[in-house]
Each structure stands twice: as structure tokens, then as C-alpha cells.
Amino acid sequence: MGKALHVNETEFDTQVLQAEQPVLVDFWAEWCGPCRMIAPIIEDLAIEYDGKAKVVKVDVDENPGVANRYGIMSIPTLGIFKGGEMVDRLVGYLPKPELKKRLEKILATAKVS
């Protein structure tokens, strides 16, 4: 893929919960300054982890059901999903090295097919 995929509420289960790879989900909104700051990092991660992890974006204003389902109260919130469950949550702006560290930790425990 090499690019963050924008998903909505109807696609979330298929694209995230049923994914074979770990999935980094960026819960964001257009009006959110820190969300715009982290957006280029999210796109970089989508390219760097292409084939190892999926990267998706969920606009919380357009998809409030997904945000409510996972208790997203602040944005940006990044959720790392594996095996249909959120296994890590990062709230607020984080630098790329920290995001990579957290994602690598999850990838290290992922099954190799």
C-alpha cells in the first residue's frame, strides 16, 4: 500500500479488526493542529512499514461510532491493533522515533507467516 488508508465506520472491522498484520490507527480530525503536525509522520510510517503493518486514518468527526467504541476522548490518538484488539494506545503528538519504537514492539510479537 505505502500510504495511510482512510477508513470509515463500515470499513473499520474489515480493514482493522480482521487484518492479518498489525494496524496503526490514527484517530484524528481536520481542525486538530497536533493531528496535522503528526500527519506527515503517519504517512512516513505507512511507507516504511509497507508489507509489515497497515496504517489507517479515522476521522473522528465523520466516524464518531468508532471513536466512541474505543473511548477516544483526545486527538490525536494512535491505536495499535493486533488480532482484532487494541494492544497499545498513544495519546497526543509523539515524535517519529517513539512511534516506531512502540510499533516495533508490537511487530516483534507478531506471528510470521
C-alpha atoms as a PDB file:
ATOM      1  CA  MET A   1       0.000   0.000   0.000  1.00  0.00           C
ATOM      2  CA  GLY A   2       2.657   2.531   1.065  1.00  0.00           C
ATOM      3  CA  LYS A   3       0.072   5.148   2.023  1.00  0.00           C
ATOM      4  CA  ALA A   4      -2.217   5.601   5.003  1.00  0.00           C
ATOM      5  CA  LEU A   5      -5.697   4.372   4.140  1.00  0.00           C
ATOM      6  CA  HIS A   6      -8.676   6.480   5.198  1.00  0.00           C
ATOM      7  CA  VAL A   7     -11.364   4.192   6.621  1.00  0.00           C
ATOM      8  CA  ASN A   8     -14.908   4.836   7.798  1.00  0.00           C
ATOM      9  CA  GLU A   9     -17.132   3.067  10.314  1.00  0.00           C
ATOM     10  CA  THR A  10     -18.370   0.480   7.819  1.00  0.00           C
ATOM     11  CA  GLU A  11     -14.828  -0.433   6.717  1.00  0.00           C
ATOM     12  CA  PHE A  12     -13.217  -0.417  10.162  1.00  0.00           C
ATOM     13  CA  ASP A  13     -13.900  -4.036  11.130  1.00  0.00           C
ATOM     14  CA  THR A  14     -12.646  -5.399   7.811  1.00  0.00           C
ATOM     15  CA  GLN A  15      -9.632  -3.096   7.428  1.00  0.00           C
ATOM     16  CA  VAL A  16      -8.523  -3.081  11.072  1.00  0.00           C
ATOM     17  CA  LEU A  17     -10.033  -5.815  13.228  1.00  0.00           C
ATOM     18  CA  GLN A  18      -9.819  -8.555  10.597  1.00  0.00           C
ATOM     19  CA  ALA A  19      -6.396  -7.532   9.272  1.00  0.00           C
ATOM     20  CA  GLU A  20      -3.705 -10.190   9.300  1.00  0.00           C
ATOM     21  CA  GLN A  21      -0.996  -7.616  10.018  1.00  0.00           C
ATOM     22  CA  PRO A  22      -0.774  -5.245  12.974  1.00  0.00           C
ATOM     23  CA  VAL A  23      -2.585  -1.974  12.219  1.00  0.00           C
ATOM     24  CA  LEU A  24      -1.666   1.542  13.342  1.00  0.00           C
ATOM     25  CA  VAL A  25      -4.852   3.625  13.511  1.00  0.00           C
ATOM     26  CA  ASP A  26      -4.613   7.415  13.582  1.00  0.00           C
ATOM     27  CA  PHE A  27      -7.777   8.846  15.162  1.00  0.00           C
ATOM     28  CA  TRP A  28      -7.788  12.480  14.008  1.00  0.00           C
ATOM     29  CA  ALA A  29      -9.884  15.467  12.886  1.00  0.00           C
ATOM     30  CA  GLU A  30      -9.334  18.179  10.284  1.00  0.00           C
ATOM     31  CA  TRP A  31      -9.489  21.032  12.839  1.00  0.00           C
ATOM     32  CA  CYS A  32      -6.874  19.460  15.159  1.00  0.00           C
ATOM     33  CA  GLY A  33      -3.481  21.208  14.989  1.00  0.00           C
ATOM     34  CA  PRO A  34      -1.437  18.379  16.547  1.00  0.00           C
ATOM     35  CA  CYS A  35      -3.190  15.940  14.171  1.00  0.00           C
ATOM     36  CA  ARG A  36      -1.929  17.968  11.214  1.00  0.00           C
ATOM     37  CA  MET A  37       1.565  18.013  12.753  1.00  0.00           C
ATOM     38  CA  ILE A  38       1.673  14.232  13.089  1.00  0.00           C
ATOM     39  CA  ALA A  39       0.117  13.526   9.650  1.00  0.00           C
ATOM     40  CA  PRO A  40       3.446  13.523   7.720  1.00  0.00           C
ATOM     41  CA  ILE A  41       4.903  11.103  10.285  1.00  0.00           C
ATOM     42  CA  ILE A  42       1.907   8.790   9.839  1.00  0.00           C
ATOM     43  CA  GLU A  43       2.406   8.857   6.059  1.00  0.00           C
ATOM     44  CA  ASP A  44       6.140   8.126   6.501  1.00  0.00           C
ATOM     45  CA  LEU A  45       5.321   5.141   8.717  1.00  0.00           C
ATOM     46  CA  ALA A  46       2.871   3.832   6.099  1.00  0.00           C
ATOM     47  CA  ILE A  47       5.720   3.807   3.574  1.00  0.00           C
ATOM     48  CA  GLU A  48       8.368   2.431   5.956  1.00  0.00           C
ATOM     49  CA  TYR A  49       6.183  -0.389   7.270  1.00  0.00           C
ATOM     50  CA  ASP A  50       4.520  -1.302   3.967  1.00  0.00           C
ATOM     51  CA  GLY A  51       4.161  -5.088   3.971  1.00  0.00           C
ATOM     52  CA  LYS A  52       4.768  -5.356   7.740  1.00  0.00           C
ATOM     53  CA  ALA A  53       1.941  -3.267   9.178  1.00  0.00           C
ATOM     54  CA  LYS A  54      -1.092  -1.450   7.869  1.00  0.00           C
ATOM     55  CA  VAL A  55      -1.582   2.253   8.622  1.00  0.00           C
ATOM     56  CA  VAL A  56      -5.081   3.730   8.582  1.00  0.00           C
ATOM     57  CA  LYS A  57      -6.678   7.048   9.492  1.00  0.00           C
ATOM     58  CA  VAL A  58     -10.115   7.510  11.052  1.00  0.00           C
ATOM     59  CA  ASP A  59     -11.662  10.996  11.084  1.00  0.00           C
ATOM     60  CA  VAL A  60     -13.466  11.094  14.443  1.00  0.00           C
ATOM     61  CA  ASP A  61     -15.878  13.820  13.306  1.00  0.00           C
ATOM     62  CA  GLU A  62     -17.059  11.717  10.369  1.00  0.00           C
ATOM     63  CA  ASN A  63     -16.903   8.404  12.275  1.00  0.00           C
ATOM     64  CA  PRO A  64     -17.978   9.059  15.874  1.00  0.00           C
ATOM     65  CA  GLY A  65     -19.133   5.473  16.397  1.00  0.00           C
ATOM     66  CA  VAL A  66     -15.611   4.090  16.053  1.00  0.00           C
ATOM     67  CA  ALA A  67     -14.215   6.822  18.304  1.00  0.00           C
ATOM     68  CA  ASN A  68     -16.841   6.094  20.973  1.00  0.00           C
ATOM     69  CA  ARG A  69     -16.273   2.347  20.707  1.00  0.00           C
ATOM     70  CA  TYR A  70     -12.627   2.799  21.694  1.00  0.00           C
ATOM     71  CA  GLY A  71     -13.120   5.640  24.176  1.00  0.00           C
ATOM     72  CA  ILE A  72     -11.243   8.201  22.095  1.00  0.00           C
ATOM     73  CA  MET A  73     -11.515  11.394  24.148  1.00  0.00           C
ATOM     74  CA  SER A  74      -8.461  13.311  22.902  1.00  0.00           C
ATOM     75  CA  ILE A  75      -6.881  13.545  19.497  1.00  0.00           C
ATOM     76  CA  PRO A  76      -4.603  12.662  18.013  1.00  0.00           C
ATOM     77  CA  THR A  77      -4.854   9.200  19.499  1.00  0.00           C
ATOM     78  CA  LEU A  78      -2.963   6.384  17.842  1.00  0.00           C
ATOM     79  CA  GLY A  79      -4.126   2.850  18.437  1.00  0.00           C
ATOM     80  CA  ILE A  80      -2.097  -0.196  17.531  1.00  0.00           C
ATOM     81  CA  PHE A  81      -4.347  -3.158  16.776  1.00  0.00           C
ATOM     82  CA  LYS A  82      -3.287  -6.775  16.569  1.00  0.00           C
ATOM     83  CA  GLY A  83      -5.537  -9.809  16.310  1.00  0.00           C
ATOM     84  CA  GLY A  84      -8.672  -7.664  16.373  1.00  0.00           C
ATOM     85  CA  GLU A  85      -7.815  -5.856  19.615  1.00  0.00           C
ATOM     86  CA  MET A  86      -6.218  -2.550  20.507  1.00  0.00           C
ATOM     87  CA  VAL A  87      -2.941  -3.579  22.142  1.00  0.00           C
ATOM     88  CA  ASP A  88      -1.393  -0.124  22.549  1.00  0.00           C
ATOM     89  CA  ARG A  89      -2.696   3.445  22.715  1.00  0.00           C
ATOM     90  CA  LEU A  90      -0.709   6.645  22.319  1.00  0.00           C
ATOM     91  CA  VAL A  91      -2.379   9.982  23.013  1.00  0.00           C
ATOM     92  CA  GLY A  92      -1.133  13.305  21.689  1.00  0.00           C
ATOM     93  CA  TYR A  93       1.733  14.223  19.435  1.00  0.00           C
ATOM     94  CA  LEU A  94       4.692  11.860  19.662  1.00  0.00           C
ATOM     95  CA  PRO A  95       7.956  12.072  17.719  1.00  0.00           C
ATOM     96  CA  LYS A  96       8.591   9.535  14.977  1.00  0.00           C
ATOM     97  CA  PRO A  97      11.290   7.581  16.901  1.00  0.00           C
ATOM     98  CA  GLU A  98       8.848   6.968  19.775  1.00  0.00           C
ATOM     99  CA  LEU A  99       6.093   5.842  17.408  1.00  0.00           C
ATOM    100  CA  LYS A 100       8.499   3.486  15.629  1.00  0.00           C
ATOM    101  CA  LYS A 101       9.653   2.054  18.967  1.00  0.00           C
ATOM    102  CA  ARG A 102       6.085   1.256  20.013  1.00  0.00           C
ATOM    103  CA  LEU A 103       5.211  -0.215  16.610  1.00  0.00           C
ATOM    104  CA  GLU A 104       8.396  -2.307  16.521  1.00  0.00           C
ATOM    105  CA  LYS A 105       7.500  -3.749  19.935  1.00  0.00           C
ATOM    106  CA  ILE A 106       4.160  -4.977  18.562  1.00  0.00           C
ATOM    107  CA  LEU A 107       5.723  -6.238  15.322  1.00  0.00           C
ATOM    108  CA  ALA A 108       8.280  -8.244  17.306  1.00  0.00           C
ATOM    109  CA  THR A 109       5.444 -10.248  18.853  1.00  0.00           C
ATOM    110  CA  ALA A 110       3.504 -10.690  15.588  1.00  0.00           C
ATOM    111  CA  LYS A 111       3.333 -14.115  14.010  1.00  0.00           C
ATOM    112  CA  VAL A 112       5.496 -14.588  10.954  1.00  0.00           C
ATOM    113  CA  SER A 113       3.536 -16.299   8.195  1.00  0.00           C
END
